[in-house]
Structures are given as C-alpha cells and as structure tokens.
Amino acid sequence: MDRDFIALDFETTGLQPGDGSEIIEIGAVRFSPITGEVDTFQRFCAPSGPIPKRITRLTGISDLDVAGAEKPWSGWCQMLEWAGDCDHFVAHNAPFEVRFIRELVKREGASLPPLWFFDTLVLARRRIPELPSYKLSDIVAHLGIVSGVQHRAVDDARAASQVFIN
C-alpha cells in the first residue's frame, strides 16, 4: 500500500468538546507505510480561557506556550492545508479527535471534507489481544517502538504512525 497517511493527535483542555474543552496543540505526521515519515506539522492553539493546571501537569503545555497562538479553528485549517489531498488519517482512539473536529466544524458553520480514519486502538486490540492495557504508551512499549514525550501531539502522532505500520 504505497500511499501517504496522516497520523493526527490533539492535546486538549479536557475530554469532551461539548463541555467547553478545546484543542491546545495539533500534531500530525505524514508517513508512508513503505518509506516511513515524510513530514511533520505542529501548532499550539489558544483556548478561550486558561489551561487547567492538571492539563499543564499532564502535557507540559502552559498558558505561556499558547500565548499569541491562533484559535483551534485556524490551526485545524492550517493542518488541512498542510495535509493537501491526503485524506487517510490515523489516530489512537480516533473518536476522540473526530469529536473535536466535528465540534470545530459545527461552531464555525463549516463543512468537513471527507476524511477516513484508522484507529490504532482498535487495530491493537485485534492484533495484540493479550495486552492488559491499550494505552498508546503500553502498545508502543510492547512493540519495542522508541517514542518521544507522551501527551505531546507530534510525538503521540508519530507513535500512532509506528503502531499502524507495525
């Protein structure tokens, strides 16, 4: 399968976009299952309020990091422009990212281009049924994949791309 995919990850202020949680970082890795990583995209996004302290502890992303950043919609549009005609996405627990994308589109009154998502959580559960946990970090460790910093968008997107390939 010689096509590019985009592994996508968001860092957010909470778990549900409908409760006011917002994207604070977008990370994406363009990759080919045959040739590997091609390019990366990273943007901080400014939420409408302060980042909760528990999120800063988890992600390392502070209000200073997002100061002066554009709103999540702008970051999403920039990522889509960067992705170009690539419409095949990979994410770990893809419904999480999809909920945030749908909320962004709804708030802006925009339309969503057709995007196809492959979920590495679902793939890992099928391919490695013996794992006691399907957190991305546990899957990566099981597969012997070297990954970057957990809960940082590009590093988590890169890890998801490697889980997809392996």
C-alpha atoms as a PDB file:
ATOM      1  CA  MET A   1       0.000   0.000   0.000  1.00  0.00           C
ATOM      2  CA  ASP A   2       2.037   2.936  -1.280  1.00  0.00           C
ATOM      3  CA  ARG A   3       0.022   5.940  -0.161  1.00  0.00           C
ATOM      4  CA  ASP A   4       0.640   8.586   2.420  1.00  0.00           C
ATOM      5  CA  PHE A   5      -1.303   8.751   5.650  1.00  0.00           C
ATOM      6  CA  ILE A   6      -1.549  11.499   8.243  1.00  0.00           C
ATOM      7  CA  ALA A   7      -1.215  10.431  11.874  1.00  0.00           C
ATOM      8  CA  LEU A   8      -3.063  13.030  13.934  1.00  0.00           C
ATOM      9  CA  ASP A   9      -3.110  13.876  17.630  1.00  0.00           C
ATOM     10  CA  PHE A  10      -4.662  16.678  19.664  1.00  0.00           C
ATOM     11  CA  GLU A  11      -3.781  17.849  23.138  1.00  0.00           C
ATOM     12  CA  THR A  12      -6.829  19.417  24.741  1.00  0.00           C
ATOM     13  CA  THR A  13      -8.017  21.184  27.886  1.00  0.00           C
ATOM     14  CA  GLY A  14     -10.385  18.303  28.692  1.00  0.00           C
ATOM     15  CA  LEU A  15     -12.055  15.199  27.332  1.00  0.00           C
ATOM     16  CA  GLN A  16     -15.323  16.438  25.811  1.00  0.00           C
ATOM     17  CA  PRO A  17     -15.562  19.272  23.291  1.00  0.00           C
ATOM     18  CA  GLY A  18     -19.216  19.822  24.191  1.00  0.00           C
ATOM     19  CA  ASP A  19     -18.299  20.715  27.785  1.00  0.00           C
ATOM     20  CA  GLY A  20     -16.039  23.558  26.705  1.00  0.00           C
ATOM     21  CA  SER A  21     -12.835  21.561  26.273  1.00  0.00           C
ATOM     22  CA  GLU A  22     -10.656  22.922  23.497  1.00  0.00           C
ATOM     23  CA  ILE A  23      -7.675  21.907  21.396  1.00  0.00           C
ATOM     24  CA  ILE A  24      -4.401  23.419  22.626  1.00  0.00           C
ATOM     25  CA  GLU A  25      -1.984  21.555  20.338  1.00  0.00           C
ATOM     26  CA  ILE A  26      -2.292  19.878  16.958  1.00  0.00           C
ATOM     27  CA  GLY A  27       0.364  17.434  15.875  1.00  0.00           C
ATOM     28  CA  ALA A  28       0.462  15.472  12.647  1.00  0.00           C
ATOM     29  CA  VAL A  29       2.923  13.184  10.920  1.00  0.00           C
ATOM     30  CA  ARG A  30       2.695  12.438   7.216  1.00  0.00           C
ATOM     31  CA  PHE A  31       4.040   8.953   6.585  1.00  0.00           C
ATOM     32  CA  SER A  32       4.114   6.115   4.124  1.00  0.00           C
ATOM     33  CA  PRO A  33       3.876   2.549   5.414  1.00  0.00           C
ATOM     34  CA  ILE A  34       6.654   1.685   2.964  1.00  0.00           C
ATOM     35  CA  THR A  35       9.103   4.585   3.252  1.00  0.00           C
ATOM     36  CA  GLY A  36       8.248   5.933   6.728  1.00  0.00           C
ATOM     37  CA  GLU A  37       7.949   9.503   7.967  1.00  0.00           C
ATOM     38  CA  VAL A  38       7.735  12.214   5.341  1.00  0.00           C
ATOM     39  CA  ASP A  39       6.931  15.435   7.240  1.00  0.00           C
ATOM     40  CA  THR A  40       5.504  16.807  10.490  1.00  0.00           C
ATOM     41  CA  PHE A  41       3.105  19.569  11.469  1.00  0.00           C
ATOM     42  CA  GLN A  42       2.740  21.146  14.915  1.00  0.00           C
ATOM     43  CA  ARG A  43       0.699  24.129  16.108  1.00  0.00           C
ATOM     44  CA  PHE A  44      -0.220  25.429  19.507  1.00  0.00           C
ATOM     45  CA  CYS A  45      -3.770  26.759  19.687  1.00  0.00           C
ATOM     46  CA  ALA A  46      -5.058  29.409  22.065  1.00  0.00           C
ATOM     47  CA  PRO A  47      -8.056  28.274  24.115  1.00  0.00           C
ATOM     48  CA  SER A  48     -10.669  30.793  25.213  1.00  0.00           C
ATOM     49  CA  GLY A  49      -9.582  30.519  28.855  1.00  0.00           C
ATOM     50  CA  PRO A  50      -6.631  29.397  30.956  1.00  0.00           C
ATOM     51  CA  ILE A  51      -5.301  25.864  30.594  1.00  0.00           C
ATOM     52  CA  PRO A  52      -6.270  23.808  33.652  1.00  0.00           C
ATOM     53  CA  LYS A  53      -3.290  23.034  35.888  1.00  0.00           C
ATOM     54  CA  ARG A  54      -3.922  19.270  35.612  1.00  0.00           C
ATOM     55  CA  ILE A  55      -3.590  19.550  31.824  1.00  0.00           C
ATOM     56  CA  THR A  56      -0.339  21.510  32.146  1.00  0.00           C
ATOM     57  CA  ARG A  57       0.976  18.793  34.502  1.00  0.00           C
ATOM     58  CA  LEU A  58      -0.059  16.074  32.029  1.00  0.00           C
ATOM     59  CA  THR A  59       1.108  17.698  28.782  1.00  0.00           C
ATOM     60  CA  GLY A  60       3.681  20.246  29.864  1.00  0.00           C
ATOM     61  CA  ILE A  61       1.751  22.828  27.819  1.00  0.00           C
ATOM     62  CA  SER A  62       1.220  26.082  29.706  1.00  0.00           C
ATOM     63  CA  ASP A  63      -0.610  29.327  29.084  1.00  0.00           C
ATOM     64  CA  LEU A  64       2.757  30.810  28.063  1.00  0.00           C
ATOM     65  CA  ASP A  65       3.098  28.216  25.295  1.00  0.00           C
ATOM     66  CA  VAL A  66      -0.235  29.156  23.749  1.00  0.00           C
ATOM     67  CA  ALA A  67       0.028  32.923  24.323  1.00  0.00           C
ATOM     68  CA  GLY A  68      -0.279  34.599  20.943  1.00  0.00           C
ATOM     69  CA  ALA A  69      -1.269  31.368  19.197  1.00  0.00           C
ATOM     70  CA  GLU A  70      -4.221  31.303  16.844  1.00  0.00           C
ATOM     71  CA  LYS A  71      -7.555  29.738  17.758  1.00  0.00           C
ATOM     72  CA  PRO A  72      -8.093  25.988  17.205  1.00  0.00           C
ATOM     73  CA  TRP A  73     -10.105  26.531  14.006  1.00  0.00           C
ATOM     74  CA  SER A  74      -7.181  28.327  12.395  1.00  0.00           C
ATOM     75  CA  GLY A  75      -4.782  25.583  13.480  1.00  0.00           C
ATOM     76  CA  TRP A  76      -7.106  22.939  12.043  1.00  0.00           C
ATOM     77  CA  CYS A  77      -7.374  24.798   8.722  1.00  0.00           C
ATOM     78  CA  GLN A  78      -3.577  25.138   8.564  1.00  0.00           C
ATOM     79  CA  MET A  79      -3.201  21.409   9.200  1.00  0.00           C
ATOM     80  CA  LEU A  80      -5.666  20.593   6.422  1.00  0.00           C
ATOM     81  CA  GLU A  81      -3.766  22.869   4.051  1.00  0.00           C
ATOM     82  CA  TRP A  82      -0.516  21.146   5.050  1.00  0.00           C
ATOM     83  CA  ALA A  83      -2.154  17.710   4.524  1.00  0.00           C
ATOM     84  CA  GLY A  84      -3.142  18.673   0.969  1.00  0.00           C
ATOM     85  CA  ASP A  85      -5.006  15.906  -0.817  1.00  0.00           C
ATOM     86  CA  CYS A  86      -4.174  13.264   1.804  1.00  0.00           C
ATOM     87  CA  ASP A  87      -7.497  12.192   3.308  1.00  0.00           C
ATOM     88  CA  HIS A  88      -6.454   8.995   5.132  1.00  0.00           C
ATOM     89  CA  PHE A  89      -5.825   9.691   8.818  1.00  0.00           C
ATOM     90  CA  VAL A  90      -4.531   7.545  11.656  1.00  0.00           C
ATOM     91  CA  ALA A  91      -5.166   8.276  15.332  1.00  0.00           C
ATOM     92  CA  HIS A  92      -5.057   6.413  18.612  1.00  0.00           C
ATOM     93  CA  ASN A  93      -8.640   6.371  19.893  1.00  0.00           C
ATOM     94  CA  ALA A  94      -9.746   8.172  16.732  1.00  0.00           C
ATOM     95  CA  PRO A  95     -13.269   9.001  18.020  1.00  0.00           C
ATOM     96  CA  PHE A  96     -11.623  11.444  20.449  1.00  0.00           C
ATOM     97  CA  GLU A  97     -10.068  13.503  17.636  1.00  0.00           C
ATOM     98  CA  VAL A  98     -13.193  13.159  15.486  1.00  0.00           C
ATOM     99  CA  ARG A  99     -15.407  14.615  18.267  1.00  0.00           C
ATOM    100  CA  PHE A 100     -13.157  17.676  18.489  1.00  0.00           C
ATOM    101  CA  ILE A 101     -13.080  18.057  14.697  1.00  0.00           C
ATOM    102  CA  ARG A 102     -16.873  17.856  14.489  1.00  0.00           C
ATOM    103  CA  GLU A 103     -17.249  20.451  17.252  1.00  0.00           C
ATOM    104  CA  LEU A 104     -14.850  22.830  15.471  1.00  0.00           C
ATOM    105  CA  VAL A 105     -16.723  22.435  12.187  1.00  0.00           C
ATOM    106  CA  LYS A 106     -20.097  22.881  13.892  1.00  0.00           C
ATOM    107  CA  ARG A 107     -19.006  26.061  15.729  1.00  0.00           C
ATOM    108  CA  GLU A 108     -17.692  27.568  12.518  1.00  0.00           C
ATOM    109  CA  GLY A 109     -20.704  26.552  10.437  1.00  0.00           C
ATOM    110  CA  ALA A 110     -18.274  24.969   8.010  1.00  0.00           C
ATOM    111  CA  SER A 111     -18.345  21.697   6.144  1.00  0.00           C
ATOM    112  CA  LEU A 112     -15.981  18.846   6.759  1.00  0.00           C
ATOM    113  CA  PRO A 113     -14.111  17.360   3.825  1.00  0.00           C
ATOM    114  CA  PRO A 114     -14.301  13.566   3.555  1.00  0.00           C
ATOM    115  CA  LEU A 115     -11.692  12.098   5.904  1.00  0.00           C
ATOM    116  CA  TRP A 116     -11.019   8.419   6.502  1.00  0.00           C
ATOM    117  CA  PHE A 117      -9.766   7.429   9.960  1.00  0.00           C
ATOM    118  CA  PHE A 118      -7.908   4.307  11.020  1.00  0.00           C
ATOM    119  CA  ASP A 119      -7.907   3.775  14.778  1.00  0.00           C
ATOM    120  CA  THR A 120      -4.732   2.245  16.227  1.00  0.00           C
ATOM    121  CA  LEU A 121      -6.600   1.437  19.452  1.00  0.00           C
ATOM    122  CA  VAL A 122      -8.993  -0.837  17.538  1.00  0.00           C
ATOM    123  CA  LEU A 123      -6.153  -2.295  15.451  1.00  0.00           C
ATOM    124  CA  ALA A 124      -4.048  -3.070  18.547  1.00  0.00           C
ATOM    125  CA  ARG A 125      -6.956  -4.748  20.342  1.00  0.00           C
ATOM    126  CA  ARG A 126      -7.413  -7.026  17.329  1.00  0.00           C
ATOM    127  CA  ARG A 127      -3.734  -7.722  16.648  1.00  0.00           C
ATOM    128  CA  ILE A 128      -2.429  -7.941  20.237  1.00  0.00           C
ATOM    129  CA  PRO A 129      -5.306  -9.389  22.275  1.00  0.00           C
ATOM    130  CA  GLU A 130      -3.042 -10.358  25.179  1.00  0.00           C
ATOM    131  CA  LEU A 131      -2.179  -6.807  26.239  1.00  0.00           C
ATOM    132  CA  PRO A 132      -3.556  -5.832  29.654  1.00  0.00           C
ATOM    133  CA  SER A 133      -3.751  -2.155  28.619  1.00  0.00           C
ATOM    134  CA  TYR A 134      -4.201  -0.412  25.293  1.00  0.00           C
ATOM    135  CA  LYS A 135      -2.828   2.986  26.227  1.00  0.00           C
ATOM    136  CA  LEU A 136      -0.630   4.210  23.403  1.00  0.00           C
ATOM    137  CA  SER A 137       2.444   4.119  25.650  1.00  0.00           C
ATOM    138  CA  ASP A 138       1.780   0.463  26.557  1.00  0.00           C
ATOM    139  CA  ILE A 139       1.310  -0.580  22.942  1.00  0.00           C
ATOM    140  CA  VAL A 140       4.470   1.234  21.903  1.00  0.00           C
ATOM    141  CA  ALA A 141       6.422  -0.445  24.718  1.00  0.00           C
ATOM    142  CA  HIS A 142       5.042  -3.871  23.767  1.00  0.00           C
ATOM    143  CA  LEU A 143       6.057  -3.394  20.133  1.00  0.00           C
ATOM    144  CA  GLY A 144       9.513  -2.073  21.089  1.00  0.00           C
ATOM    145  CA  ILE A 145       8.922   1.258  19.373  1.00  0.00           C
ATOM    146  CA  VAL A 146      11.001   4.186  20.555  1.00  0.00           C
ATOM    147  CA  SER A 147       8.649   7.088  21.175  1.00  0.00           C
ATOM    148  CA  GLY A 148       9.017  10.676  22.272  1.00  0.00           C
ATOM    149  CA  VAL A 149       7.288  12.585  25.029  1.00  0.00           C
ATOM    150  CA  GLN A 150       3.848  11.255  25.991  1.00  0.00           C
ATOM    151  CA  HIS A 151       0.969  13.699  25.704  1.00  0.00           C
ATOM    152  CA  ARG A 152       2.694  15.912  23.178  1.00  0.00           C
ATOM    153  CA  ALA A 153       0.874  15.962  19.882  1.00  0.00           C
ATOM    154  CA  VAL A 154       3.634  15.285  17.337  1.00  0.00           C
ATOM    155  CA  ASP A 155       5.268  12.597  19.483  1.00  0.00           C
ATOM    156  CA  ASP A 156       1.937  10.836  20.046  1.00  0.00           C
ATOM    157  CA  ALA A 157       1.077  11.137  16.336  1.00  0.00           C
ATOM    158  CA  ARG A 158       4.477   9.659  15.480  1.00  0.00           C
ATOM    159  CA  ALA A 159       3.864   6.790  17.928  1.00  0.00           C
ATOM    160  CA  ALA A 160       0.443   6.137  16.348  1.00  0.00           C
ATOM    161  CA  SER A 161       2.017   6.057  12.888  1.00  0.00           C
ATOM    162  CA  GLN A 162       4.514   3.451  14.086  1.00  0.00           C
ATOM    163  CA  VAL A 163       1.784   1.328  15.699  1.00  0.00           C
ATOM    164  CA  PHE A 164      -0.146   1.486  12.412  1.00  0.00           C
ATOM    165  CA  ILE A 165       2.899   0.411  10.396  1.00  0.00           C
ATOM    166  CA  ASN A 166       3.861  -2.363  12.802  1.00  0.00           C
END
